[in-house]
Amino acid sequence: MTQSIKEIKTRLFDPQFDDLAYFAALKEDARIGVKKLIEQYEKQQMKQQQLLTKFQEMSIFEQAAYADGVRFIAGIDEVGRGPLAGPVVAAAVILPKDSQILGLNDSKQLSQKKKDALFVEIQNQAIAIGIGVVPHDEIDRLNIYQASRLAMKIALEDLAITPEYVLVDAMTIDTAIKQQSLIKGDARSNSIAAASIIAKVYRDNLMIDFHHTYPHYGFDKNAGYGTKVHLEGLKTHGICPIHRKTFAPVKQYV
C-alpha cells in the first residue's frame, strides 16, 4: 500500500466507499496511522448498523399499514405541554414509503445539533408536513390536554395530502381517518419521531423569536419552561403577554 494516510482516509470515509478488496489490503498495512483509520472506520460502520437496526425496529407500525394497502401514513406529535409560556405546537409528517432517515428518535433524546440536522433532512424527504399551533390564551381557555389535541388536529388538516392512516403519540384526535395511538410513540415509530423533531425545532424557533420581544425570561434558552432564569424574570418583571395564566406559578402574578 503506497497511498498516504491522508489519501487513505479520504477514500475510506467517502460515503460511497464499498471496496472490500481495498479494505482487506488496508488491514495488511502495518502503519499505525492506517490501523487507527481502520479502527475508526469499523466503529463508524458499527454505529451505522445500529442506527439502521433502530430505524427498522421503528418502522414496524408503518410496514404493517403498508402491508394492508395504505399509501400515505402521517405521524403526529406535539411539544410544549409543560412550559409556562408560549403555544403548544404539533406537527404531522408523511414520509415516503422507501425513506430512510437514520437517527430518528424522540426529540428529547437528541442533541440540538442532531435535531437541527434531522429537521432539515425530514423537510427534504417528507411528502408533506403540517403544523398546528395553539396559543397561550387558547391553552388557558381549553386546558393543555385539549389544546394539545387541537394542535394535532390542526397539524393533520394542514397537510397538503390527506393520509389514509395516522400514528399518534399517546393520544387520539378528532378525525375520521383511521388512527393508532402509541404510548411513547416518538421512540417507537419513525413517522411520529419525525413529527416530534419538526414540532420541537419549530416551537424552539418561535420561542427564540419571542425572546427578542420579551427578553427578561430566557425564552431563547428555556423555550418557556420554568427555569431559574425564567422564574426570576417573573418575580422581577411579572408576566408578559404570552404567559399561560392558568399555570402555576404564573397565576400568582396575574
C-alpha atoms as a PDB file:
ATOM      1  CA  MET A   1       0.000   0.000   0.000  1.00  0.00           C
ATOM      2  CA  THR A   2       1.708   3.174  -1.213  1.00  0.00           C
ATOM      3  CA  GLN A   3      -1.009   5.717  -0.510  1.00  0.00           C
ATOM      4  CA  SER A   4      -0.510   8.353   2.163  1.00  0.00           C
ATOM      5  CA  ILE A   5      -2.550   8.269   5.360  1.00  0.00           C
ATOM      6  CA  LYS A   6      -4.459  11.331   4.151  1.00  0.00           C
ATOM      7  CA  GLU A   7      -5.307   9.677   0.830  1.00  0.00           C
ATOM      8  CA  ILE A   8      -6.468   6.502   2.591  1.00  0.00           C
ATOM      9  CA  LYS A   9      -8.651   8.495   4.977  1.00  0.00           C
ATOM     10  CA  THR A  10     -10.275  10.378   2.103  1.00  0.00           C
ATOM     11  CA  ARG A  11     -11.139   7.154   0.276  1.00  0.00           C
ATOM     12  CA  LEU A  12     -12.121   5.109   3.316  1.00  0.00           C
ATOM     13  CA  PHE A  13     -14.551   7.699   4.693  1.00  0.00           C
ATOM     14  CA  ASP A  14     -16.127   8.533   1.366  1.00  0.00           C
ATOM     15  CA  PRO A  15     -19.880   7.838   1.871  1.00  0.00           C
ATOM     16  CA  GLN A  16     -19.842   5.758  -1.339  1.00  0.00           C
ATOM     17  CA  PHE A  17     -16.942   3.528  -0.277  1.00  0.00           C
ATOM     18  CA  ASP A  18     -17.682  -0.187  -0.707  1.00  0.00           C
ATOM     19  CA  ASP A  19     -14.400  -1.688  -1.944  1.00  0.00           C
ATOM     20  CA  LEU A  20     -13.957  -4.798   0.219  1.00  0.00           C
ATOM     21  CA  ALA A  21     -10.753  -5.821  -1.549  1.00  0.00           C
ATOM     22  CA  TYR A  22      -9.228  -2.421  -0.846  1.00  0.00           C
ATOM     23  CA  PHE A  23     -10.275  -2.639   2.809  1.00  0.00           C
ATOM     24  CA  ALA A  24      -8.761  -6.119   3.109  1.00  0.00           C
ATOM     25  CA  ALA A  25      -5.485  -4.770   1.699  1.00  0.00           C
ATOM     26  CA  LEU A  26      -5.546  -1.936   4.238  1.00  0.00           C
ATOM     27  CA  LYS A  27      -5.660  -4.467   7.044  1.00  0.00           C
ATOM     28  CA  GLU A  28      -2.293  -5.762   5.881  1.00  0.00           C
ATOM     29  CA  ASP A  29      -0.767  -2.292   6.152  1.00  0.00           C
ATOM     30  CA  ALA A  30       1.498  -2.169   9.217  1.00  0.00           C
ATOM     31  CA  ARG A  31       1.434   1.602   9.659  1.00  0.00           C
ATOM     32  CA  ILE A  32      -0.021   2.801  12.980  1.00  0.00           C
ATOM     33  CA  GLY A  33      -1.926   5.568  11.225  1.00  0.00           C
ATOM     34  CA  VAL A  34      -3.665   3.074   8.954  1.00  0.00           C
ATOM     35  CA  LYS A  35      -4.578   0.824  11.876  1.00  0.00           C
ATOM     36  CA  LYS A  36      -6.162   3.807  13.629  1.00  0.00           C
ATOM     37  CA  LEU A  37      -8.138   4.663  10.491  1.00  0.00           C
ATOM     38  CA  ILE A  38      -9.396   1.073  10.269  1.00  0.00           C
ATOM     39  CA  GLU A  39     -10.471   1.192  13.913  1.00  0.00           C
ATOM     40  CA  GLN A  40     -12.328   4.468  13.340  1.00  0.00           C
ATOM     41  CA  TYR A  41     -13.961   3.102  10.202  1.00  0.00           C
ATOM     42  CA  GLU A  42     -15.146  -0.085  11.921  1.00  0.00           C
ATOM     43  CA  LYS A  43     -16.616   1.921  14.805  1.00  0.00           C
ATOM     44  CA  GLN A  44     -18.404   4.139  12.305  1.00  0.00           C
ATOM     45  CA  GLN A  45     -19.801   1.124  10.468  1.00  0.00           C
ATOM     46  CA  MET A  46     -20.981  -0.435  13.716  1.00  0.00           C
ATOM     47  CA  LYS A  47     -22.778   2.783  14.664  1.00  0.00           C
ATOM     48  CA  GLN A  48     -24.392   2.960  11.229  1.00  0.00           C
ATOM     49  CA  GLN A  49     -25.592  -0.621  11.571  1.00  0.00           C
ATOM     50  CA  GLN A  50     -27.072   0.159  14.971  1.00  0.00           C
ATOM     51  CA  LEU A  51     -28.890   3.163  13.516  1.00  0.00           C
ATOM     52  CA  LEU A  52     -30.194   1.051  10.637  1.00  0.00           C
ATOM     53  CA  THR A  53     -31.423  -1.635  13.038  1.00  0.00           C
ATOM     54  CA  LYS A  54     -33.156   1.054  15.131  1.00  0.00           C
ATOM     55  CA  PHE A  55     -34.766   2.537  12.038  1.00  0.00           C
ATOM     56  CA  GLN A  56     -36.082  -0.870  11.001  1.00  0.00           C
ATOM     57  CA  GLU A  57     -37.440  -1.528  14.507  1.00  0.00           C
ATOM     58  CA  MET A  58     -39.217   1.828  14.409  1.00  0.00           C
ATOM     59  CA  SER A  59     -40.794   1.014  11.035  1.00  0.00           C
ATOM     60  CA  ILE A  60     -42.945  -1.909  12.179  1.00  0.00           C
ATOM     61  CA  PHE A  61     -46.182   0.066  12.554  1.00  0.00           C
ATOM     62  CA  GLU A  62     -45.701   1.761   9.199  1.00  0.00           C
ATOM     63  CA  GLN A  63     -44.819  -1.528   7.498  1.00  0.00           C
ATOM     64  CA  ALA A  64     -47.937  -3.193   8.919  1.00  0.00           C
ATOM     65  CA  ALA A  65     -50.079  -0.398   7.469  1.00  0.00           C
ATOM     66  CA  TYR A  66     -48.314  -0.578   4.101  1.00  0.00           C
ATOM     67  CA  ALA A  67     -48.967  -4.331   4.050  1.00  0.00           C
ATOM     68  CA  ASP A  68     -52.688  -3.540   4.388  1.00  0.00           C
ATOM     69  CA  GLY A  69     -52.532  -1.371   1.278  1.00  0.00           C
ATOM     70  CA  VAL A  70     -52.137   2.038   2.924  1.00  0.00           C
ATOM     71  CA  ARG A  71     -50.170   4.517   0.793  1.00  0.00           C
ATOM     72  CA  PHE A  72     -49.836   7.606   2.974  1.00  0.00           C
ATOM     73  CA  ILE A  73     -49.170   7.446   6.718  1.00  0.00           C
ATOM     74  CA  ALA A  74     -48.947  10.528   8.914  1.00  0.00           C
ATOM     75  CA  GLY A  75     -47.073  10.543  12.188  1.00  0.00           C
ATOM     76  CA  ILE A  76     -48.305  13.191  14.635  1.00  0.00           C
ATOM     77  CA  ASP A  77     -46.748  14.535  17.822  1.00  0.00           C
ATOM     78  CA  GLU A  78     -46.893  17.688  19.920  1.00  0.00           C
ATOM     79  CA  VAL A  79     -44.442  19.627  22.071  1.00  0.00           C
ATOM     80  CA  GLY A  80     -44.867  22.320  24.681  1.00  0.00           C
ATOM     81  CA  ARG A  81     -47.279  20.935  27.245  1.00  0.00           C
ATOM     82  CA  GLY A  82     -45.093  21.819  30.212  1.00  0.00           C
ATOM     83  CA  PRO A  83     -43.828  25.377  29.569  1.00  0.00           C
ATOM     84  CA  LEU A  84     -45.207  28.360  31.454  1.00  0.00           C
ATOM     85  CA  ALA A  85     -45.343  30.474  28.312  1.00  0.00           C
ATOM     86  CA  GLY A  86     -45.890  30.219  24.594  1.00  0.00           C
ATOM     87  CA  PRO A  87     -48.002  27.952  22.410  1.00  0.00           C
ATOM     88  CA  VAL A  88     -48.322  24.216  22.170  1.00  0.00           C
ATOM     89  CA  VAL A  89     -47.150  23.064  18.736  1.00  0.00           C
ATOM     90  CA  ALA A  90     -47.930  19.865  16.848  1.00  0.00           C
ATOM     91  CA  ALA A  91     -46.545  18.511  13.609  1.00  0.00           C
ATOM     92  CA  ALA A  92     -47.855  15.921  11.172  1.00  0.00           C
ATOM     93  CA  VAL A  93     -45.345  14.279   8.839  1.00  0.00           C
ATOM     94  CA  ILE A  94     -45.874  11.937   5.899  1.00  0.00           C
ATOM     95  CA  LEU A  95     -42.643  10.188   4.929  1.00  0.00           C
ATOM     96  CA  PRO A  96     -42.168   8.266   1.679  1.00  0.00           C
ATOM     97  CA  LYS A  97     -42.580   4.511   1.939  1.00  0.00           C
ATOM     98  CA  ASP A  98     -38.948   3.981   0.983  1.00  0.00           C
ATOM     99  CA  SER A  99     -37.454   6.775   3.104  1.00  0.00           C
ATOM    100  CA  GLN A 100     -34.510   6.010   5.341  1.00  0.00           C
ATOM    101  CA  ILE A 101     -33.639   8.773   7.791  1.00  0.00           C
ATOM    102  CA  LEU A 102     -31.201   7.257  10.250  1.00  0.00           C
ATOM    103  CA  GLY A 103     -31.153   8.661  13.772  1.00  0.00           C
ATOM    104  CA  LEU A 104     -34.865   9.398  14.139  1.00  0.00           C
ATOM    105  CA  ASN A 105     -35.920   9.261  17.772  1.00  0.00           C
ATOM    106  CA  ASP A 106     -37.853  11.085  20.455  1.00  0.00           C
ATOM    107  CA  SER A 107     -36.650  14.690  20.102  1.00  0.00           C
ATOM    108  CA  LYS A 108     -35.941  14.820  23.848  1.00  0.00           C
ATOM    109  CA  GLN A 109     -33.243  12.173  23.347  1.00  0.00           C
ATOM    110  CA  LEU A 110     -31.364  14.129  20.682  1.00  0.00           C
ATOM    111  CA  SER A 111     -28.744  16.856  20.879  1.00  0.00           C
ATOM    112  CA  GLN A 112     -29.583  20.266  19.435  1.00  0.00           C
ATOM    113  CA  LYS A 113     -27.113  19.686  16.600  1.00  0.00           C
ATOM    114  CA  LYS A 114     -28.744  16.350  15.733  1.00  0.00           C
ATOM    115  CA  LYS A 115     -32.264  17.796  15.928  1.00  0.00           C
ATOM    116  CA  ASP A 116     -31.317  20.620  13.597  1.00  0.00           C
ATOM    117  CA  ALA A 117     -29.738  18.223  11.082  1.00  0.00           C
ATOM    118  CA  LEU A 118     -32.741  15.877  11.150  1.00  0.00           C
ATOM    119  CA  PHE A 119     -35.125  18.840  10.872  1.00  0.00           C
ATOM    120  CA  VAL A 120     -33.542  19.691   7.512  1.00  0.00           C
ATOM    121  CA  GLU A 121     -33.406  16.070   6.337  1.00  0.00           C
ATOM    122  CA  ILE A 122     -37.039  15.426   7.233  1.00  0.00           C
ATOM    123  CA  GLN A 123     -38.080  18.530   5.317  1.00  0.00           C
ATOM    124  CA  ASN A 124     -36.057  17.369   2.320  1.00  0.00           C
ATOM    125  CA  GLN A 125     -37.561  13.881   2.274  1.00  0.00           C
ATOM    126  CA  ALA A 126     -41.111  14.320   3.540  1.00  0.00           C
ATOM    127  CA  ILE A 127     -44.046  14.073   1.164  1.00  0.00           C
ATOM    128  CA  ALA A 128     -45.963  16.539   3.325  1.00  0.00           C
ATOM    129  CA  ILE A 129     -45.588  18.368   6.641  1.00  0.00           C
ATOM    130  CA  GLY A 130     -48.380  20.035   8.597  1.00  0.00           C
ATOM    131  CA  ILE A 131     -48.041  22.373  11.582  1.00  0.00           C
ATOM    132  CA  GLY A 132     -50.599  23.134  14.275  1.00  0.00           C
ATOM    133  CA  VAL A 133     -50.123  25.989  16.745  1.00  0.00           C
ATOM    134  CA  VAL A 134     -52.470  26.689  19.663  1.00  0.00           C
ATOM    135  CA  PRO A 135     -51.523  29.886  21.517  1.00  0.00           C
ATOM    136  CA  HIS A 136     -51.264  30.536  25.238  1.00  0.00           C
ATOM    137  CA  ASP A 137     -54.723  32.107  25.606  1.00  0.00           C
ATOM    138  CA  GLU A 138     -56.406  29.101  23.993  1.00  0.00           C
ATOM    139  CA  ILE A 139     -54.433  26.818  26.315  1.00  0.00           C
ATOM    140  CA  ASP A 140     -55.842  28.792  29.251  1.00  0.00           C
ATOM    141  CA  ARG A 141     -59.360  28.556  27.824  1.00  0.00           C
ATOM    142  CA  LEU A 142     -59.336  24.874  26.854  1.00  0.00           C
ATOM    143  CA  ASN A 143     -56.727  23.306  29.229  1.00  0.00           C
ATOM    144  CA  ILE A 144     -53.432  21.919  27.993  1.00  0.00           C
ATOM    145  CA  TYR A 145     -54.716  18.434  27.152  1.00  0.00           C
ATOM    146  CA  GLN A 146     -57.483  19.673  24.870  1.00  0.00           C
ATOM    147  CA  ALA A 147     -55.171  22.320  23.404  1.00  0.00           C
ATOM    148  CA  SER A 148     -52.673  19.581  22.532  1.00  0.00           C
ATOM    149  CA  ARG A 149     -55.391  17.535  20.810  1.00  0.00           C
ATOM    150  CA  LEU A 150     -56.496  20.620  18.892  1.00  0.00           C
ATOM    151  CA  ALA A 151     -52.924  21.370  17.777  1.00  0.00           C
ATOM    152  CA  MET A 152     -52.639  17.802  16.470  1.00  0.00           C
ATOM    153  CA  LYS A 153     -55.911  18.133  14.558  1.00  0.00           C
ATOM    154  CA  ILE A 154     -54.783  21.432  13.029  1.00  0.00           C
ATOM    155  CA  ALA A 155     -51.457  19.875  12.007  1.00  0.00           C
ATOM    156  CA  LEU A 156     -53.263  16.958  10.368  1.00  0.00           C
ATOM    157  CA  GLU A 157     -55.569  19.300   8.448  1.00  0.00           C
ATOM    158  CA  ASP A 158     -52.576  21.424   7.415  1.00  0.00           C
ATOM    159  CA  LEU A 159     -51.098  18.544   5.378  1.00  0.00           C
ATOM    160  CA  ALA A 160     -51.136  19.090   1.618  1.00  0.00           C
ATOM    161  CA  ILE A 161     -52.001  15.397   1.185  1.00  0.00           C
ATOM    162  CA  THR A 162     -54.686  13.647   3.200  1.00  0.00           C
ATOM    163  CA  PRO A 163     -53.218  10.496   4.786  1.00  0.00           C
ATOM    164  CA  GLU A 164     -55.060   7.192   4.895  1.00  0.00           C
ATOM    165  CA  TYR A 165     -53.670   6.223   8.287  1.00  0.00           C
ATOM    166  CA  VAL A 166     -52.455   8.198  11.289  1.00  0.00           C
ATOM    167  CA  LEU A 167     -49.990   7.229  14.004  1.00  0.00           C
ATOM    168  CA  VAL A 168     -50.357   9.458  17.065  1.00  0.00           C
ATOM    169  CA  ASP A 169     -48.156   9.786  20.113  1.00  0.00           C
ATOM    170  CA  ALA A 170     -50.130   8.709  23.196  1.00  0.00           C
ATOM    171  CA  MET A 171     -53.412  10.395  22.218  1.00  0.00           C
ATOM    172  CA  THR A 172     -56.392  10.094  19.932  1.00  0.00           C
ATOM    173  CA  ILE A 173     -57.519  13.033  17.851  1.00  0.00           C
ATOM    174  CA  ASP A 174     -60.796  14.138  16.319  1.00  0.00           C
ATOM    175  CA  THR A 175     -60.615  12.725  12.803  1.00  0.00           C
ATOM    176  CA  ALA A 176     -62.434  10.207  10.631  1.00  0.00           C
ATOM    177  CA  ILE A 177     -59.098   8.885   9.387  1.00  0.00           C
ATOM    178  CA  LYS A 178     -58.114   5.537  10.850  1.00  0.00           C
ATOM    179  CA  GLN A 179     -55.621   6.117  13.638  1.00  0.00           C
ATOM    180  CA  GLN A 180     -53.437   4.259  16.104  1.00  0.00           C
ATOM    181  CA  SER A 181     -52.309   5.743  19.393  1.00  0.00           C
ATOM    182  CA  LEU A 182     -48.852   4.621  20.549  1.00  0.00           C
ATOM    183  CA  ILE A 183     -47.568   5.153  24.081  1.00  0.00           C
ATOM    184  CA  LYS A 184     -44.063   6.637  23.762  1.00  0.00           C
ATOM    185  CA  GLY A 185     -44.700   6.625  20.040  1.00  0.00           C
ATOM    186  CA  ASP A 186     -41.902   9.103  19.355  1.00  0.00           C
ATOM    187  CA  ALA A 187     -39.439   6.358  20.346  1.00  0.00           C
ATOM    188  CA  ARG A 188     -41.339   3.561  18.560  1.00  0.00           C
ATOM    189  CA  SER A 189     -42.365   4.981  15.193  1.00  0.00           C
ATOM    190  CA  ASN A 190     -40.221   6.804  12.648  1.00  0.00           C
ATOM    191  CA  SER A 191     -43.211   8.835  11.463  1.00  0.00           C
ATOM    192  CA  ILE A 192     -44.028  10.050  14.968  1.00  0.00           C
ATOM    193  CA  ALA A 193     -40.352  10.676  15.727  1.00  0.00           C
ATOM    194  CA  ALA A 194     -40.105  12.831  12.613  1.00  0.00           C
ATOM    195  CA  ALA A 195     -43.161  14.795  13.746  1.00  0.00           C
ATOM    196  CA  SER A 196     -41.629  15.182  17.211  1.00  0.00           C
ATOM    197  CA  ILE A 197     -38.460  16.704  15.757  1.00  0.00           C
ATOM    198  CA  ILE A 198     -40.309  19.052  13.403  1.00  0.00           C
ATOM    199  CA  ALA A 199     -42.593  20.264  16.200  1.00  0.00           C
ATOM    200  CA  LYS A 200     -39.729  20.713  18.667  1.00  0.00           C
ATOM    201  CA  VAL A 201     -37.444  22.715  16.386  1.00  0.00           C
ATOM    202  CA  TYR A 202     -40.370  24.768  15.059  1.00  0.00           C
ATOM    203  CA  ARG A 203     -41.520  25.662  18.576  1.00  0.00           C
ATOM    204  CA  ASP A 204     -37.990  26.384  19.821  1.00  0.00           C
ATOM    205  CA  ASN A 205     -37.568  28.844  16.955  1.00  0.00           C
ATOM    206  CA  LEU A 206     -40.869  30.519  17.850  1.00  0.00           C
ATOM    207  CA  MET A 207     -39.684  30.929  21.432  1.00  0.00           C
ATOM    208  CA  ILE A 208     -36.380  32.413  20.250  1.00  0.00           C
ATOM    209  CA  ASP A 209     -38.407  34.986  18.302  1.00  0.00           C
ATOM    210  CA  PHE A 210     -40.498  35.720  21.401  1.00  0.00           C
ATOM    211  CA  HIS A 211     -37.287  36.235  23.374  1.00  0.00           C
ATOM    212  CA  HIS A 212     -36.441  39.252  21.234  1.00  0.00           C
ATOM    213  CA  THR A 213     -39.771  40.827  22.210  1.00  0.00           C
ATOM    214  CA  TYR A 214     -39.802  39.657  25.838  1.00  0.00           C
ATOM    215  CA  PRO A 215     -36.124  39.347  26.819  1.00  0.00           C
ATOM    216  CA  HIS A 216     -36.477  39.021  30.601  1.00  0.00           C
ATOM    217  CA  TYR A 217     -37.345  35.305  30.811  1.00  0.00           C
ATOM    218  CA  GLY A 218     -34.672  33.466  28.831  1.00  0.00           C
ATOM    219  CA  PHE A 219     -37.115  32.082  26.271  1.00  0.00           C
ATOM    220  CA  ASP A 220     -34.252  31.585  23.799  1.00  0.00           C
ATOM    221  CA  LYS A 221     -32.657  29.100  26.200  1.00  0.00           C
ATOM    222  CA  ASN A 222     -35.582  27.554  28.104  1.00  0.00           C
ATOM    223  CA  ALA A 223     -38.368  27.537  25.457  1.00  0.00           C
ATOM    224  CA  GLY A 224     -40.739  28.817  28.125  1.00  0.00           C
ATOM    225  CA  TYR A 225     -40.063  26.142  30.734  1.00  0.00           C
ATOM    226  CA  GLY A 226     -39.785  27.177  34.385  1.00  0.00           C
ATOM    227  CA  THR A 227     -36.021  27.508  34.711  1.00  0.00           C
ATOM    228  CA  LYS A 228     -34.322  29.636  37.364  1.00  0.00           C
ATOM    229  CA  VAL A 229     -33.840  32.499  34.911  1.00  0.00           C
ATOM    230  CA  HIS A 230     -37.492  32.334  33.892  1.00  0.00           C
ATOM    231  CA  LEU A 231     -38.781  32.300  37.474  1.00  0.00           C
ATOM    232  CA  GLU A 232     -36.517  35.199  38.411  1.00  0.00           C
ATOM    233  CA  GLY A 233     -37.860  37.095  35.410  1.00  0.00           C
ATOM    234  CA  LEU A 234     -41.407  36.526  36.645  1.00  0.00           C
ATOM    235  CA  LYS A 235     -40.542  37.823  40.117  1.00  0.00           C
ATOM    236  CA  THR A 236     -38.806  40.916  38.783  1.00  0.00           C
ATOM    237  CA  HIS A 237     -40.917  41.826  35.744  1.00  0.00           C
ATOM    238  CA  GLY A 238     -44.211  39.985  36.235  1.00  0.00           C
ATOM    239  CA  ILE A 239     -45.921  38.194  33.376  1.00  0.00           C
ATOM    240  CA  CYS A 240     -45.650  39.008  29.690  1.00  0.00           C
ATOM    241  CA  PRO A 241     -48.408  38.673  27.054  1.00  0.00           C
ATOM    242  CA  ILE A 242     -47.530  35.056  26.133  1.00  0.00           C
ATOM    243  CA  HIS A 243     -47.563  33.583  29.657  1.00  0.00           C
ATOM    244  CA  ARG A 244     -50.123  30.887  30.431  1.00  0.00           C
ATOM    245  CA  LYS A 245     -52.185  32.498  33.177  1.00  0.00           C
ATOM    246  CA  THR A 246     -53.732  29.260  34.440  1.00  0.00           C
ATOM    247  CA  PHE A 247     -50.338  27.636  35.073  1.00  0.00           C
ATOM    248  CA  ALA A 248     -48.626  27.702  38.454  1.00  0.00           C
ATOM    249  CA  PRO A 249     -46.579  29.689  39.375  1.00  0.00           C
ATOM    250  CA  VAL A 250     -47.618  32.182  36.665  1.00  0.00           C
ATOM    251  CA  LYS A 251     -51.130  32.626  38.059  1.00  0.00           C
ATOM    252  CA  GLN A 252     -49.836  34.142  41.294  1.00  0.00           C
ATOM    253  CA  TYR A 253     -48.568  37.089  39.247  1.00  0.00           C
ATOM    254  CA  VAL A 254     -51.807  37.653  37.317  1.00  0.00           C
END
